[in-house]
Amino acid sequence: MYFLIDDILRPVYMGVYTTSGSDISMAITALHGDIYVYTNYEGLEYMESKWYSGEDLKALGWTQEQVDIHLNTSTASYFINGDNLSLTSDDDRTHIYTRKK
């Protein structure tokens, strides 16, 4: 997953995606320090610009609860129509992504 930070598109989460029928599961296994360098989220110290696994985060002093909030698995329903990918979460929020040509 990517987020726009200071007008630069940066990768912030790494993980594994699997599909079954019309469901897609996303297991986030690492996060990139860039998102925290700019936001200092939850009052945490600034992080280096590199990938962090759950063990890396705990070594920095994160609690297991903090790690679980960020490195988790979520499932959504998906539908592809032409160049559009629609993801609908369990709380019925739908996000539509359009493929660039």
Protein backbone atom coordinates (compact mmCIF):
# COMPACT_ATOMS: atom_id res chain seq x y z
CA MET A 1 0.00 0.00 0.00
CA TYR A 2 1.12 3.51 -0.75
CA PHE A 3 0.33 6.86 0.85
CA LEU A 4 0.99 10.38 -0.36
CA ILE A 5 3.37 12.06 2.10
CA ASP A 6 4.66 15.56 1.38
CA ASP A 7 3.48 15.17 -2.23
CA ILE A 8 5.60 12.01 -2.69
CA LEU A 9 3.95 8.62 -3.16
CA ARG A 10 5.68 6.31 -0.66
CA PRO A 11 5.23 2.63 0.19
CA VAL A 12 4.25 2.25 3.84
CA TYR A 13 2.93 -1.29 4.25
CA MET A 14 4.20 -4.61 2.94
CA GLY A 15 2.29 -7.85 3.09
CA VAL A 16 0.62 -10.78 1.42
CA TYR A 17 -2.63 -10.69 -0.54
CA THR A 18 -4.72 -13.80 -1.19
CA THR A 19 -8.07 -14.26 -2.88
CA SER A 20 -10.85 -16.81 -2.53
CA GLY A 21 -14.06 -16.42 -4.48
CA SER A 22 -14.96 -12.74 -4.24
CA ASP A 23 -12.94 -12.12 -1.05
CA ILE A 24 -9.45 -10.68 -0.76
CA SER A 25 -7.41 -10.97 2.44
CA MET A 26 -4.55 -8.60 3.14
CA ALA A 27 -2.01 -9.59 5.80
CA ILE A 28 0.31 -6.67 6.61
CA THR A 29 3.69 -8.05 7.67
CA ALA A 30 5.87 -4.91 7.78
CA LEU A 31 5.61 -1.14 7.79
CA HIS A 32 7.98 1.49 6.49
CA GLY A 33 9.41 4.12 8.81
CA ASP A 34 8.69 6.96 6.35
CA ILE A 35 5.08 7.31 7.48
CA TYR A 36 6.21 7.88 11.05
CA VAL A 37 9.05 10.22 10.14
CA TYR A 38 6.45 12.72 8.93
CA THR A 39 3.57 12.13 11.36
CA ASN A 40 5.25 10.95 14.56
CA TYR A 41 2.08 8.86 15.00
CA GLU A 42 0.98 8.06 18.57
CA GLY A 43 3.85 10.09 19.97
CA LEU A 44 6.42 7.50 18.92
CA GLU A 45 10.00 8.43 18.20
CA TYR A 46 10.96 9.24 14.64
CA MET A 47 11.84 6.10 12.75
CA GLU A 48 14.52 5.42 10.15
CA SER A 49 13.47 5.19 6.53
CA LYS A 50 13.43 1.37 6.31
CA TRP A 51 11.10 -1.64 6.65
CA TYR A 52 10.14 -2.85 10.15
CA SER A 53 8.72 -6.28 11.03
CA GLY A 54 6.75 -6.94 14.20
CA GLU A 55 9.93 -8.06 15.97
CA ASP A 56 11.74 -4.91 14.84
CA LEU A 57 8.94 -2.75 16.24
CA LYS A 58 8.96 -4.56 19.57
CA ALA A 59 12.74 -4.05 19.75
CA LEU A 60 12.01 -0.30 19.48
CA GLY A 61 9.74 -0.53 22.52
CA TRP A 62 6.36 -0.93 20.82
CA THR A 63 3.83 -2.94 22.81
CA GLN A 64 2.23 -6.03 21.27
CA GLU A 65 -1.04 -4.06 21.10
CA GLN A 66 0.63 -1.31 19.03
CA VAL A 67 2.17 -3.90 16.71
CA ASP A 68 -1.18 -5.68 16.28
CA ILE A 69 -2.92 -2.40 15.38
CA HIS A 70 -0.54 -1.85 12.45
CA LEU A 71 0.41 -5.37 11.37
CA ASN A 72 -2.89 -7.13 10.95
CA THR A 73 -5.05 -9.05 8.52
CA SER A 74 -8.21 -7.68 6.97
CA THR A 75 -10.66 -9.14 4.49
CA ALA A 76 -12.83 -7.36 1.96
CA SER A 77 -15.09 -8.30 -0.92
CA TYR A 78 -13.73 -7.34 -4.30
CA PHE A 79 -15.19 -6.81 -7.73
CA ILE A 80 -13.40 -6.00 -10.98
CA ASN A 81 -15.22 -4.12 -13.72
CA GLY A 82 -13.02 -3.10 -16.65
CA ASP A 83 -10.24 -0.95 -15.24
CA ASN A 84 -11.92 -0.53 -11.84
CA LEU A 85 -11.27 -2.57 -8.71
CA SER A 86 -13.89 -2.14 -5.97
CA LEU A 87 -13.12 -3.23 -2.39
CA THR A 88 -15.93 -3.35 0.16
CA SER A 89 -14.96 -3.80 3.81
CA ASP A 90 -16.99 -5.49 6.57
CA ASP A 91 -18.35 -2.08 7.62
CA ASP A 92 -19.70 -1.55 4.07
CA ARG A 93 -17.18 1.12 3.05
CA THR A 94 -16.30 0.80 -0.63
CA HIS A 95 -13.08 2.04 -2.21
CA ILE A 96 -12.69 2.08 -5.99
CA TYR A 97 -9.27 1.99 -7.64
CA THR A 98 -8.77 2.67 -11.35
CA ARG A 99 -5.87 1.21 -13.31
CA LYS A 100 -3.65 3.79 -14.98
CA LYS A 101 -3.10 3.42 -18.69
